[in-house]
PDB file of N, CA and C in Angstrom:
ATOM      1  N   MET A   1     -19.274  19.339 -21.145  1.00  0.00           N
ATOM      2  CA  MET A   1     -18.513  18.257 -20.543  1.00  0.00           C
ATOM      3  C   MET A   1     -19.430  17.396 -19.685  1.00  0.00           C
ATOM      4  N   GLY A   2     -19.045  16.136 -19.604  1.00  0.00           N
ATOM      5  CA  GLY A   2     -19.813  15.198 -18.796  1.00  0.00           C
ATOM      6  C   GLY A   2     -19.357  15.184 -17.355  1.00  0.00           C
ATOM      7  N   ARG A   3     -19.813  14.225 -16.638  1.00  0.00           N
ATOM      8  CA  ARG A   3     -19.502  14.087 -15.218  1.00  0.00           C
ATOM      9  C   ARG A   3     -18.618  12.872 -15.021  1.00  0.00           C
ATOM     10  N   LEU A   4     -17.679  12.984 -14.099  1.00  0.00           N
ATOM     11  CA  LEU A   4     -16.793  11.878 -13.763  1.00  0.00           C
ATOM     12  C   LEU A   4     -17.093  11.431 -12.346  1.00  0.00           C
ATOM     13  N   ASP A   5     -17.440  10.164 -12.203  1.00  0.00           N
ATOM     14  CA  ASP A   5     -17.652   9.571 -10.883  1.00  0.00           C
ATOM     15  C   ASP A   5     -16.577   8.522 -10.671  1.00  0.00           C
ATOM     16  N   ILE A   6     -15.998   8.507  -9.485  1.00  0.00           N
ATOM     17  CA  ILE A   6     -14.959   7.529  -9.170  1.00  0.00           C
ATOM     18  C   ILE A   6     -15.514   6.540  -8.163  1.00  0.00           C
ATOM     19  N   HIS A   7     -15.425   5.264  -8.501  1.00  0.00           N
ATOM     20  CA  HIS A   7     -15.895   4.188  -7.627  1.00  0.00           C
ATOM     21  C   HIS A   7     -14.769   3.186  -7.470  1.00  0.00           C
ATOM     22  N   THR A   8     -14.618   2.648  -6.279  1.00  0.00           N
ATOM     23  CA  THR A   8     -13.597   1.643  -6.018  1.00  0.00           C
ATOM     24  C   THR A   8     -14.279   0.346  -5.642  1.00  0.00           C
ATOM     25  N   GLY A   9     -13.878  -0.723  -6.278  1.00  0.00           N
ATOM     26  CA  GLY A   9     -14.445  -2.022  -5.964  1.00  0.00           C
ATOM     27  C   GLY A   9     -14.225  -2.976  -7.120  1.00  0.00           C
ATOM     28  N   CYS A  10     -14.441  -4.234  -6.867  1.00  0.00           N
ATOM     29  CA  CYS A  10     -14.275  -5.249  -7.896  1.00  0.00           C
ATOM     30  C   CYS A  10     -15.561  -5.397  -8.695  1.00  0.00           C
ATOM     31  N   ILE A  11     -15.420  -5.375 -10.010  1.00  0.00           N
ATOM     32  CA  ILE A  11     -16.573  -5.536 -10.894  1.00  0.00           C
ATOM     33  C   ILE A  11     -16.863  -7.021 -11.024  1.00  0.00           C
ATOM     34  N   GLN A  12     -18.096  -7.382 -10.754  1.00  0.00           N
ATOM     35  CA  GLN A  12     -18.507  -8.790 -10.834  1.00  0.00           C
ATOM     36  C   GLN A  12     -19.173  -9.121 -12.162  1.00  0.00           C
ATOM     37  N   GLU A  13     -19.854  -8.117 -12.743  1.00  0.00           N
ATOM     38  CA  GLU A  13     -20.588  -8.382 -13.982  1.00  0.00           C
ATOM     39  C   GLU A  13     -20.777  -7.067 -14.734  1.00  0.00           C
ATOM     40  N   ILE A  14     -20.771  -7.155 -16.070  1.00  0.00           N
ATOM     41  CA  ILE A  14     -21.045  -6.006 -16.927  1.00  0.00           C
ATOM     42  C   ILE A  14     -22.116  -6.430 -17.923  1.00  0.00           C
ATOM     43  N   ARG A  15     -23.138  -5.585 -18.058  1.00  0.00           N
ATOM     44  CA  ARG A  15     -24.206  -5.842 -19.028  1.00  0.00           C
ATOM     45  C   ARG A  15     -24.489  -4.555 -19.786  1.00  0.00           C
ATOM     46  N   GLU A  16     -25.038  -4.693 -20.970  1.00  0.00           N
ATOM     47  CA  GLU A  16     -25.474  -3.521 -21.721  1.00  0.00           C
ATOM     48  C   GLU A  16     -26.946  -3.303 -21.430  1.00  0.00           C
ATOM     49  N   ASP A  17     -27.289  -2.068 -21.096  1.00  0.00           N
ATOM     50  CA  ASP A  17     -28.670  -1.703 -20.813  1.00  0.00           C
ATOM     51  C   ASP A  17     -29.423  -1.542 -22.137  1.00  0.00           C
ATOM     52  N   THR A  18     -30.749  -1.437 -22.076  1.00  0.00           N
ATOM     53  CA  THR A  18     -31.566  -1.295 -23.278  1.00  0.00           C
ATOM     54  C   THR A  18     -31.275   0.005 -24.029  1.00  0.00           C
ATOM     55  N   ASP A  19     -30.764   1.025 -23.332  1.00  0.00           N
ATOM     56  CA  ASP A  19     -30.454   2.298 -24.001  1.00  0.00           C
ATOM     57  C   ASP A  19     -28.989   2.384 -24.437  1.00  0.00           C
ATOM     58  N   GLY A  20     -28.281   1.244 -24.439  1.00  0.00           N
ATOM     59  CA  GLY A  20     -26.901   1.213 -24.898  1.00  0.00           C
ATOM     60  C   GLY A  20     -25.877   1.607 -23.850  1.00  0.00           C
ATOM     61  N   LYS A  21     -26.291   1.926 -22.655  1.00  0.00           N
ATOM     62  CA  LYS A  21     -25.363   2.267 -21.564  1.00  0.00           C
ATOM     63  C   LYS A  21     -24.853   0.980 -20.922  1.00  0.00           C
ATOM     64  N   MET A  22     -23.723   1.094 -20.233  1.00  0.00           N
ATOM     65  CA  MET A  22     -23.156  -0.060 -19.549  1.00  0.00           C
ATOM     66  C   MET A  22     -23.655  -0.110 -18.108  1.00  0.00           C
ATOM     67  N   LEU A  23     -23.986  -1.288 -17.669  1.00  0.00           N
ATOM     68  CA  LEU A  23     -24.355  -1.527 -16.275  1.00  0.00           C
ATOM     69  C   LEU A  23     -23.251  -2.352 -15.653  1.00  0.00           C
ATOM     70  N   LEU A  24     -22.654  -1.854 -14.576  1.00  0.00           N
ATOM     71  CA  LEU A  24     -21.605  -2.564 -13.859  1.00  0.00           C
ATOM     72  C   LEU A  24     -22.140  -2.949 -12.489  1.00  0.00           C
ATOM     73  N   PHE A  25     -21.925  -4.187 -12.111  1.00  0.00           N
ATOM     74  CA  PHE A  25     -22.350  -4.676 -10.805  1.00  0.00           C
ATOM     75  C   PHE A  25     -21.087  -5.005 -10.016  1.00  0.00           C
ATOM     76  N   THR A  26     -20.941  -4.393  -8.845  1.00  0.00           N
ATOM     77  CA  THR A  26     -19.729  -4.579  -8.046  1.00  0.00           C
ATOM     78  C   THR A  26     -19.941  -5.629  -6.966  1.00  0.00           C
ATOM     79  N   GLU A  27     -18.833  -6.006  -6.339  1.00  0.00           N
ATOM     80  CA  GLU A  27     -18.862  -7.023  -5.290  1.00  0.00           C
ATOM     81  C   GLU A  27     -19.717  -6.609  -4.093  1.00  0.00           C
ATOM     82  N   ASN A  28     -19.851  -5.299  -3.861  1.00  0.00           N
ATOM     83  CA  ASN A  28     -20.655  -4.843  -2.720  1.00  0.00           C
ATOM     84  C   ASN A  28     -22.074  -4.481  -3.143  1.00  0.00           C
ATOM     85  N   GLU A  29     -22.530  -5.104  -4.245  1.00  0.00           N
ATOM     86  CA  GLU A  29     -23.891  -4.992  -4.757  1.00  0.00           C
ATOM     87  C   GLU A  29     -24.248  -3.586  -5.242  1.00  0.00           C
ATOM     88  N   GLU A  30     -23.229  -2.785  -5.553  1.00  0.00           N
ATOM     89  CA  GLU A  30     -23.471  -1.475  -6.130  1.00  0.00           C
ATOM     90  C   GLU A  30     -23.743  -1.660  -7.624  1.00  0.00           C
ATOM     91  N   LYS A  31     -24.703  -0.915  -8.154  1.00  0.00           N
ATOM     92  CA  LYS A  31     -25.034  -0.975  -9.572  1.00  0.00           C
ATOM     93  C   LYS A  31     -24.685   0.373 -10.178  1.00  0.00           C
ATOM     94  N   LEU A  32     -23.763   0.361 -11.149  1.00  0.00           N
ATOM     95  CA  LEU A  32     -23.312   1.601 -11.778  1.00  0.00           C
ATOM     96  C   LEU A  32     -23.727   1.604 -13.236  1.00  0.00           C
ATOM     97  N   LYS A  33     -24.114   2.800 -13.723  1.00  0.00           N
ATOM     98  CA  LYS A  33     -24.545   2.914 -15.110  1.00  0.00           C
ATOM     99  C   LYS A  33     -23.790   4.063 -15.754  1.00  0.00           C
ATOM    100  N   GLY A  34     -23.260   3.839 -16.969  1.00  0.00           N
ATOM    101  CA  GLY A  34     -22.541   4.898 -17.647  1.00  0.00           C
ATOM    102  C   GLY A  34     -22.341   4.597 -19.114  1.00  0.00           C
ATOM    103  N   SER A  35     -21.898   5.611 -19.835  1.00  0.00           N
ATOM    104  CA  SER A  35     -21.678   5.451 -21.268  1.00  0.00           C
ATOM    105  C   SER A  35     -20.256   4.999 -21.579  1.00  0.00           C
ATOM    106  N   SER A  36     -19.340   5.175 -20.635  1.00  0.00           N
ATOM    107  CA  SER A  36     -17.965   4.733 -20.862  1.00  0.00           C
ATOM    108  C   SER A  36     -17.276   4.469 -19.529  1.00  0.00           C
ATOM    109  N   ILE A  37     -16.219   3.671 -19.596  1.00  0.00           N
ATOM    110  CA  ILE A  37     -15.389   3.399 -18.428  1.00  0.00           C
ATOM    111  C   ILE A  37     -14.025   4.000 -18.728  1.00  0.00           C
ATOM    112  N   MET A  38     -13.540   4.867 -17.867  1.00  0.00           N
ATOM    113  CA  MET A  38     -12.252   5.499 -18.083  1.00  0.00           C
ATOM    114  C   MET A  38     -11.105   4.575 -17.680  1.00  0.00           C
ATOM    115  N   LEU A  39     -11.227   3.932 -16.528  1.00  0.00           N
ATOM    116  CA  LEU A  39     -10.177   3.053 -16.043  1.00  0.00           C
ATOM    117  C   LEU A  39     -10.793   2.079 -15.043  1.00  0.00           C
ATOM    118  N   ALA A  40     -10.544   0.836 -15.263  1.00  0.00           N
ATOM    119  CA  ALA A  40     -11.055  -0.182 -14.353  1.00  0.00           C
ATOM    120  C   ALA A  40     -10.009  -1.285 -14.271  1.00  0.00           C
ATOM    121  N   THR A  41      -8.972  -1.037 -13.494  1.00  0.00           N
ATOM    122  CA  THR A  41      -7.878  -1.996 -13.476  1.00  0.00           C
ATOM    123  C   THR A  41      -7.144  -1.999 -12.153  1.00  0.00           C
ATOM    124  N   GLY A  42      -6.506  -3.097 -11.873  1.00  0.00           N
ATOM    125  CA  GLY A  42      -5.546  -3.195 -10.782  1.00  0.00           C
ATOM    126  C   GLY A  42      -6.123  -3.315  -9.395  1.00  0.00           C
ATOM    127  N   PRO A  43      -5.281  -3.812  -8.501  1.00  0.00           N
ATOM    128  CA  PRO A  43      -5.676  -3.941  -7.101  1.00  0.00           C
ATOM    129  C   PRO A  43      -5.534  -2.610  -6.375  1.00  0.00           C
ATOM    130  N   ALA A  44      -6.100  -2.542  -5.206  1.00  0.00           N
ATOM    131  CA  ALA A  44      -5.917  -1.358  -4.368  1.00  0.00           C
ATOM    132  C   ALA A  44      -4.445  -1.242  -3.991  1.00  0.00           C
ATOM    133  N   ILE A  45      -3.978  -0.025  -3.897  1.00  0.00           N
ATOM    134  CA  ILE A  45      -2.582   0.189  -3.517  1.00  0.00           C
ATOM    135  C   ILE A  45      -2.480   0.025  -2.000  1.00  0.00           C
ATOM    136  N   ALA A  46      -1.778  -0.976  -1.588  1.00  0.00           N
ATOM    137  CA  ALA A  46      -1.597  -1.239  -0.169  1.00  0.00           C
ATOM    138  C   ALA A  46      -0.164  -1.695   0.076  1.00  0.00           C
ATOM    139  N   MET A  47       0.357  -1.301   1.193  1.00  0.00           N
ATOM    140  CA  MET A  47       1.718  -1.690   1.542  1.00  0.00           C
ATOM    141  C   MET A  47       1.730  -3.155   1.992  1.00  0.00           C
ATOM    142  N   PRO A  48       2.561  -3.987   1.380  1.00  0.00           N
ATOM    143  CA  PRO A  48       2.625  -5.386   1.790  1.00  0.00           C
ATOM    144  C   PRO A  48       3.298  -5.534   3.148  1.00  0.00           C
ATOM    145  N   GLY A  49       2.895  -6.542   3.893  1.00  0.00           N
ATOM    146  CA  GLY A  49       3.522  -6.824   5.180  1.00  0.00           C
ATOM    147  C   GLY A  49       3.173  -5.834   6.269  1.00  0.00           C
ATOM    148  N   LYS A  50       2.110  -5.081   6.083  1.00  0.00           N
ATOM    149  CA  LYS A  50       1.739  -4.032   7.027  1.00  0.00           C
ATOM    150  C   LYS A  50       1.595  -4.554   8.465  1.00  0.00           C
ATOM    151  N   GLU A  51       1.075  -5.752   8.619  1.00  0.00           N
ATOM    152  CA  GLU A  51       0.840  -6.296   9.957  1.00  0.00           C
ATOM    153  C   GLU A  51       2.131  -6.415  10.762  1.00  0.00           C
ATOM    154  N   TRP A  52       3.175  -6.952  10.152  1.00  0.00           N
ATOM    155  CA  TRP A  52       4.434  -7.125  10.879  1.00  0.00           C
ATOM    156  C   TRP A  52       5.329  -5.908  10.745  1.00  0.00           C
ATOM    157  N   LEU A  53       5.127  -5.105   9.698  1.00  0.00           N
ATOM    158  CA  LEU A  53       5.989  -3.961   9.456  1.00  0.00           C
ATOM    159  C   LEU A  53       5.630  -2.753  10.331  1.00  0.00           C
ATOM    160  N   ASP A  54       4.364  -2.570  10.640  1.00  0.00           N
ATOM    161  CA  ASP A  54       3.949  -1.415  11.468  1.00  0.00           C
ATOM    162  C   ASP A  54       4.697  -1.337  12.803  1.00  0.00           C
ATOM    163  N   PRO A  55       4.796  -2.432  13.554  1.00  0.00           N
ATOM    164  CA  PRO A  55       5.553  -2.342  14.815  1.00  0.00           C
ATOM    165  C   PRO A  55       7.029  -2.001  14.597  1.00  0.00           C
ATOM    166  N   VAL A  56       7.616  -2.493  13.511  1.00  0.00           N
ATOM    167  CA  VAL A  56       9.021  -2.198  13.200  1.00  0.00           C
ATOM    168  C   VAL A  56       9.170  -0.710  12.876  1.00  0.00           C
ATOM    169  N   ILE A  57       8.233  -0.178  12.125  1.00  0.00           N
ATOM    170  CA  ILE A  57       8.244   1.251  11.777  1.00  0.00           C
ATOM    171  C   ILE A  57       8.217   2.094  13.041  1.00  0.00           C
ATOM    172  N   LYS A  58       7.339   1.732  13.961  1.00  0.00           N
ATOM    173  CA  LYS A  58       7.240   2.489  15.214  1.00  0.00           C
ATOM    174  C   LYS A  58       8.503   2.347  16.058  1.00  0.00           C
ATOM    175  N   GLN A  59       8.974   1.119  16.208  1.00  0.00           N
ATOM    176  CA  GLN A  59      10.146   0.855  17.048  1.00  0.00           C
ATOM    177  C   GLN A  59      11.391   1.559  16.519  1.00  0.00           C
ATOM    178  N   MET A  60      11.564   1.563  15.188  1.00  0.00           N
ATOM    179  CA  MET A  60      12.773   2.152  14.601  1.00  0.00           C
ATOM    180  C   MET A  60      12.573   3.596  14.148  1.00  0.00           C
ATOM    181  N   ASN A  61      11.349   4.118  14.371  1.00  0.00           N
ATOM    182  CA  ASN A  61      11.015   5.492  13.993  1.00  0.00           C
ATOM    183  C   ASN A  61      11.339   5.755  12.513  1.00  0.00           C
ATOM    184  N   LEU A  62      10.841   4.879  11.645  1.00  0.00           N
ATOM    185  CA  LEU A  62      11.114   4.967  10.211  1.00  0.00           C
ATOM    186  C   LEU A  62      10.157   5.969   9.561  1.00  0.00           C
ATOM    187  N   PRO A  63      10.672   6.847   8.692  1.00  0.00           N
ATOM    188  CA  PRO A  63       9.808   7.858   8.065  1.00  0.00           C
ATOM    189  C   PRO A  63       8.877   7.242   7.026  1.00  0.00           C
ATOM    190  N   CYS A  64       7.604   7.622   7.108  1.00  0.00           N
ATOM    191  CA  CYS A  64       6.594   7.131   6.177  1.00  0.00           C
ATOM    192  C   CYS A  64       5.726   8.279   5.687  1.00  0.00           C
ATOM    193  N   ALA A  65       5.225   8.137   4.481  1.00  0.00           N
ATOM    194  CA  ALA A  65       4.277   9.097   3.915  1.00  0.00           C
ATOM    195  C   ALA A  65       2.914   8.861   4.567  1.00  0.00           C
ATOM    196  N   PRO A  66       1.980   9.801   4.430  1.00  0.00           N
ATOM    197  CA  PRO A  66       0.638   9.607   4.994  1.00  0.00           C
ATOM    198  C   PRO A  66      -0.044   8.317   4.524  1.00  0.00           C
ATOM    199  N   CYS A  67       0.327   7.826   3.330  1.00  0.00           N
ATOM    200  CA  CYS A  67      -0.261   6.585   2.815  1.00  0.00           C
ATOM    201  C   CYS A  67       0.347   5.351   3.471  1.00  0.00           C
ATOM    202  N   GLY A  68       1.416   5.532   4.276  1.00  0.00           N
ATOM    203  CA  GLY A  68       2.038   4.422   4.983  1.00  0.00           C
ATOM    204  C   GLY A  68       3.289   3.880   4.321  1.00  0.00           C
ATOM    205  N   PHE A  69       3.557   4.270   3.072  1.00  0.00           N
ATOM    206  CA  PHE A  69       4.735   3.773   2.375  1.00  0.00           C
ATOM    207  C   PHE A  69       5.991   4.480   2.869  1.00  0.00           C
ATOM    208  N   PRO A  70       7.145   3.797   2.803  1.00  0.00           N
ATOM    209  CA  PRO A  70       8.406   4.384   3.253  1.00  0.00           C
ATOM    210  C   PRO A  70       8.792   5.630   2.458  1.00  0.00           C
ATOM    211  N   ILE A  71       9.327   6.604   3.161  1.00  0.00           N
ATOM    212  CA  ILE A  71       9.937   7.760   2.515  1.00  0.00           C
ATOM    213  C   ILE A  71      11.423   7.480   2.497  1.00  0.00           C
ATOM    214  N   VAL A  72      11.959   7.315   1.288  1.00  0.00           N
ATOM    215  CA  VAL A  72      13.377   6.981   1.136  1.00  0.00           C
ATOM    216  C   VAL A  72      14.014   7.909   0.102  1.00  0.00           C
ATOM    217  N   PRO A  73      15.329   8.137   0.214  1.00  0.00           N
ATOM    218  CA  PRO A  73      16.035   8.915  -0.809  1.00  0.00           C
ATOM    219  C   PRO A  73      16.307   8.050  -2.043  1.00  0.00           C
ATOM    220  N   LYS A  74      17.006   8.605  -3.019  1.00  0.00           N
ATOM    221  CA  LYS A  74      17.347   7.867  -4.250  1.00  0.00           C
ATOM    222  C   LYS A  74      18.096   6.570  -3.967  1.00  0.00           C
ATOM    223  N   SER A  75      18.818   6.522  -2.864  1.00  0.00           N
ATOM    224  CA  SER A  75      19.590   5.322  -2.513  1.00  0.00           C
ATOM    225  C   SER A  75      18.711   4.168  -2.045  1.00  0.00           C
ATOM    226  N   LEU A  76      17.452   4.450  -1.745  1.00  0.00           N
ATOM    227  CA  LEU A  76      16.484   3.481  -1.223  1.00  0.00           C
ATOM    228  C   LEU A  76      16.849   2.996   0.183  1.00  0.00           C
ATOM    229  N   GLU A  77      17.683   3.757   0.890  1.00  0.00           N
ATOM    230  CA  GLU A  77      18.063   3.395   2.262  1.00  0.00           C
ATOM    231  C   GLU A  77      17.085   4.053   3.230  1.00  0.00           C
ATOM    232  N   TRP A  78      16.273   3.228   3.851  1.00  0.00           N
ATOM    233  CA  TRP A  78      15.236   3.710   4.762  1.00  0.00           C
ATOM    234  C   TRP A  78      15.855   4.183   6.069  1.00  0.00           C
ATOM    235  N   LYS A  79      16.813   3.439   6.537  1.00  0.00           N
ATOM    236  CA  LYS A  79      17.582   3.772   7.727  1.00  0.00           C
ATOM    237  C   LYS A  79      18.955   3.122   7.540  1.00  0.00           C
ATOM    238  N   ASN A  80      19.935   3.509   8.314  1.00  0.00           N
ATOM    239  CA  ASN A  80      21.302   3.001   8.154  1.00  0.00           C
ATOM    240  C   ASN A  80      21.336   1.501   7.887  1.00  0.00           C
ATOM    241  N   GLY A  81      21.724   1.135   6.648  1.00  0.00           N
ATOM    242  CA  GLY A  81      21.857  -0.278   6.291  1.00  0.00           C
ATOM    243  C   GLY A  81      20.556  -0.987   5.974  1.00  0.00           C
ATOM    244  N   LEU A  82      19.426  -0.299   6.029  1.00  0.00           N
ATOM    245  CA  LEU A  82      18.121  -0.908   5.740  1.00  0.00           C
ATOM    246  C   LEU A  82      17.589  -0.329   4.433  1.00  0.00           C
ATOM    247  N   PHE A  83      17.638  -1.144   3.376  1.00  0.00           N
ATOM    248  CA  PHE A  83      17.220  -0.715   2.048  1.00  0.00           C
ATOM    249  C   PHE A  83      15.874  -1.331   1.713  1.00  0.00           C
ATOM    250  N   VAL A  84      15.119  -0.655   0.858  1.00  0.00           N
ATOM    251  CA  VAL A  84      13.824  -1.181   0.419  1.00  0.00           C
ATOM    252  C   VAL A  84      13.854  -1.474  -1.069  1.00  0.00           C
ATOM    253  N   ALA A  85      13.002  -2.386  -1.489  1.00  0.00           N
ATOM    254  CA  ALA A  85      12.817  -2.720  -2.899  1.00  0.00           C
ATOM    255  C   ALA A  85      11.366  -3.178  -3.039  1.00  0.00           C
ATOM    256  N   GLY A  86      10.976  -3.502  -4.252  1.00  0.00           N
ATOM    257  CA  GLY A  86       9.608  -3.957  -4.476  1.00  0.00           C
ATOM    258  C   GLY A  86       8.603  -2.869  -4.147  1.00  0.00           C
ATOM    259  N   ALA A  87       7.456  -3.279  -3.643  1.00  0.00           N
ATOM    260  CA  ALA A  87       6.388  -2.330  -3.332  1.00  0.00           C
ATOM    261  C   ALA A  87       6.826  -1.273  -2.329  1.00  0.00           C
ATOM    262  N   LEU A  88       7.740  -1.611  -1.428  1.00  0.00           N
ATOM    263  CA  LEU A  88       8.190  -0.642  -0.431  1.00  0.00           C
ATOM    264  C   LEU A  88       8.992   0.506  -1.051  1.00  0.00           C
ATOM    265  N   ALA A  89       9.463   0.330  -2.264  1.00  0.00           N
ATOM    266  CA  ALA A  89      10.212   1.380  -2.963  1.00  0.00           C
ATOM    267  C   ALA A  89       9.337   2.143  -3.954  1.00  0.00           C
ATOM    268  N   GLU A  90       8.056   1.915  -3.903  1.00  0.00           N
ATOM    269  CA  GLU A  90       7.142   2.452  -4.914  1.00  0.00           C
ATOM    270  C   GLU A  90       7.139   3.979  -4.999  1.00  0.00           C
ATOM    271  N   LEU A  91       7.255   4.672  -3.892  1.00  0.00           N
ATOM    272  CA  LEU A  91       7.240   6.136  -3.934  1.00  0.00           C
ATOM    273  C   LEU A  91       8.468   6.697  -4.632  1.00  0.00           C
ATOM    274  N   GLU A  92       9.560   5.971  -4.630  1.00  0.00           N
ATOM    275  CA  GLU A  92      10.790   6.440  -5.280  1.00  0.00           C
ATOM    276  C   GLU A  92      10.947   5.856  -6.683  1.00  0.00           C
ATOM    277  N   ILE A  93      10.673   4.580  -6.869  1.00  0.00           N
ATOM    278  CA  ILE A  93      10.859   3.900  -8.155  1.00  0.00           C
ATOM    279  C   ILE A  93       9.647   4.101  -9.070  1.00  0.00           C
ATOM    280  N   GLY A  94       8.456   4.141  -8.490  1.00  0.00           N
ATOM    281  CA  GLY A  94       7.229   4.265  -9.277  1.00  0.00           C
ATOM    282  C   GLY A  94       6.490   2.945  -9.358  1.00  0.00           C
ATOM    283  N   PRO A  95       5.402   2.921 -10.121  1.00  0.00           N
ATOM    284  CA  PRO A  95       4.563   1.722 -10.191  1.00  0.00           C
ATOM    285  C   PRO A  95       5.292   0.468 -10.674  1.00  0.00           C
ATOM    286  N   VAL A  96       6.348   0.638 -11.447  1.00  0.00           N
ATOM    287  CA  VAL A  96       7.106  -0.502 -11.960  1.00  0.00           C
ATOM    288  C   VAL A  96       7.832  -1.245 -10.840  1.00  0.00           C
ATOM    289  N   SER A  97       7.915  -0.633  -9.669  1.00  0.00           N
ATOM    290  CA  SER A  97       8.670  -1.231  -8.560  1.00  0.00           C
ATOM    291  C   SER A  97       8.182  -2.622  -8.173  1.00  0.00           C
ATOM    292  N   ARG A  98       6.951  -2.952  -8.473  1.00  0.00           N
ATOM    293  CA  ARG A  98       6.371  -4.236  -8.062  1.00  0.00           C
ATOM    294  C   ARG A  98       6.657  -5.389  -9.027  1.00  0.00           C
ATOM    295  N   ASN A  99       7.367  -5.114 -10.128  1.00  0.00           N
ATOM    296  CA  ASN A  99       7.643  -6.216 -11.057  1.00  0.00           C
ATOM    297  C   ASN A  99       9.150  -6.401 -11.269  1.00  0.00           C
ATOM    298  N   ILE A 100       9.524  -7.285 -12.184  1.00  0.00           N
ATOM    299  CA  ILE A 100      10.932  -7.614 -12.407  1.00  0.00           C
ATOM    300  C   ILE A 100      11.750  -6.386 -12.810  1.00  0.00           C
ATOM    301  N   ALA A 101      11.193  -5.547 -13.671  1.00  0.00           N
ATOM    302  CA  ALA A 101      11.906  -4.334 -14.093  1.00  0.00           C
ATOM    303  C   ALA A 101      12.150  -3.422 -12.893  1.00  0.00           C
ATOM    304  N   GLY A 102      11.190  -3.347 -11.985  1.00  0.00           N
ATOM    305  CA  GLY A 102      11.345  -2.541 -10.779  1.00  0.00           C
ATOM    306  C   GLY A 102      12.394  -3.114  -9.844  1.00  0.00           C
ATOM    307  N   ALA A 103      12.449  -4.431  -9.747  1.00  0.00           N
ATOM    308  CA  ALA A 103      13.468  -5.079  -8.911  1.00  0.00           C
ATOM    309  C   ALA A 103      14.856  -4.761  -9.446  1.00  0.00           C
ATOM    310  N   ARG A 104      14.976  -4.761 -10.762  1.00  0.00           N
ATOM    311  CA  ARG A 104      16.258  -4.433 -11.397  1.00  0.00           C
ATOM    312  C   ARG A 104      16.640  -2.982 -11.103  1.00  0.00           C
ATOM    313  N   LYS A 105      15.671  -2.065 -11.237  1.00  0.00           N
ATOM    314  CA  LYS A 105      15.942  -0.648 -10.952  1.00  0.00           C
ATOM    315  C   LYS A 105      16.358  -0.447  -9.500  1.00  0.00           C
ATOM    316  N   ALA A 106      15.671  -1.121  -8.592  1.00  0.00           N
ATOM    317  CA  ALA A 106      16.007  -0.995  -7.170  1.00  0.00           C
ATOM    318  C   ALA A 106      17.416  -1.523  -6.912  1.00  0.00           C
ATOM    319  N   ALA A 107      17.748  -2.676  -7.472  1.00  0.00           N
ATOM    320  CA  ALA A 107      19.084  -3.256  -7.278  1.00  0.00           C
ATOM    321  C   ALA A 107      20.158  -2.328  -7.815  1.00  0.00           C
ATOM    322  N   GLU A 108      19.915  -1.729  -8.985  1.00  0.00           N
ATOM    323  CA  GLU A 108      20.898  -0.793  -9.561  1.00  0.00           C
ATOM    324  C   GLU A 108      21.105   0.410  -8.660  1.00  0.00           C
ATOM    325  N   ARG A 109      20.019   0.930  -8.115  1.00  0.00           N
ATOM    326  CA  ARG A 109      20.145   2.094  -7.223  1.00  0.00           C
ATOM    327  C   ARG A 109      20.870   1.754  -5.937  1.00  0.00           C
ATOM    328  N   ILE A 110      20.524   0.615  -5.361  1.00  0.00           N
ATOM    329  CA  ILE A 110      21.171   0.225  -4.101  1.00  0.00           C
ATOM    330  C   ILE A 110      22.666   0.022  -4.338  1.00  0.00           C
ATOM    331  N   LEU A 111      23.030  -0.595  -5.454  1.00  0.00           N
ATOM    332  CA  LEU A 111      24.444  -0.788  -5.777  1.00  0.00           C
ATOM    333  C   LEU A 111      25.149   0.546  -6.043  1.00  0.00           C
ATOM    334  N   ARG A 112      24.459   1.467  -6.722  1.00  0.00           N
ATOM    335  CA  ARG A 112      25.055   2.748  -7.079  1.00  0.00           C
ATOM    336  C   ARG A 112      25.248   3.651  -5.869  1.00  0.00           C
ATOM    337  N   TYR A 113      24.224   3.731  -5.003  1.00  0.00           N
ATOM    338  CA  TYR A 113      24.242   4.685  -3.897  1.00  0.00           C
ATOM    339  C   TYR A 113      24.593   4.044  -2.546  1.00  0.00           C
ATOM    340  N   GLY A 114      24.361   2.756  -2.428  1.00  0.00           N
ATOM    341  CA  GLY A 114      24.478   2.111  -1.125  1.00  0.00           C
ATOM    342  C   GLY A 114      25.801   1.673  -0.745  1.00  0.00           C
TER     343      GLY A 114
END
């Protein structure tokens, strides 16, 4: 078996080396060399609105996972009458929560349980 290295960053350029390996150049001037890329997609997972939401979380004592995202039940109710959707529902809805299909799933749950 080979070795798996995980790197996070934006790829700025890809070139083929003389030995047929791929050379990846990242935004932070890191140069990576390998025979294959397993996954190179998507933005970093970050909670939107963190700047204004953090004080609200503290003030209302809202439960959050270590990653900072809301911990909510199937109803998506974070606290009495406060429901989440979109990226804030990601831990319950899944990665689809950030698109139209996820918005639909969140709305259905809020209507069903809320």
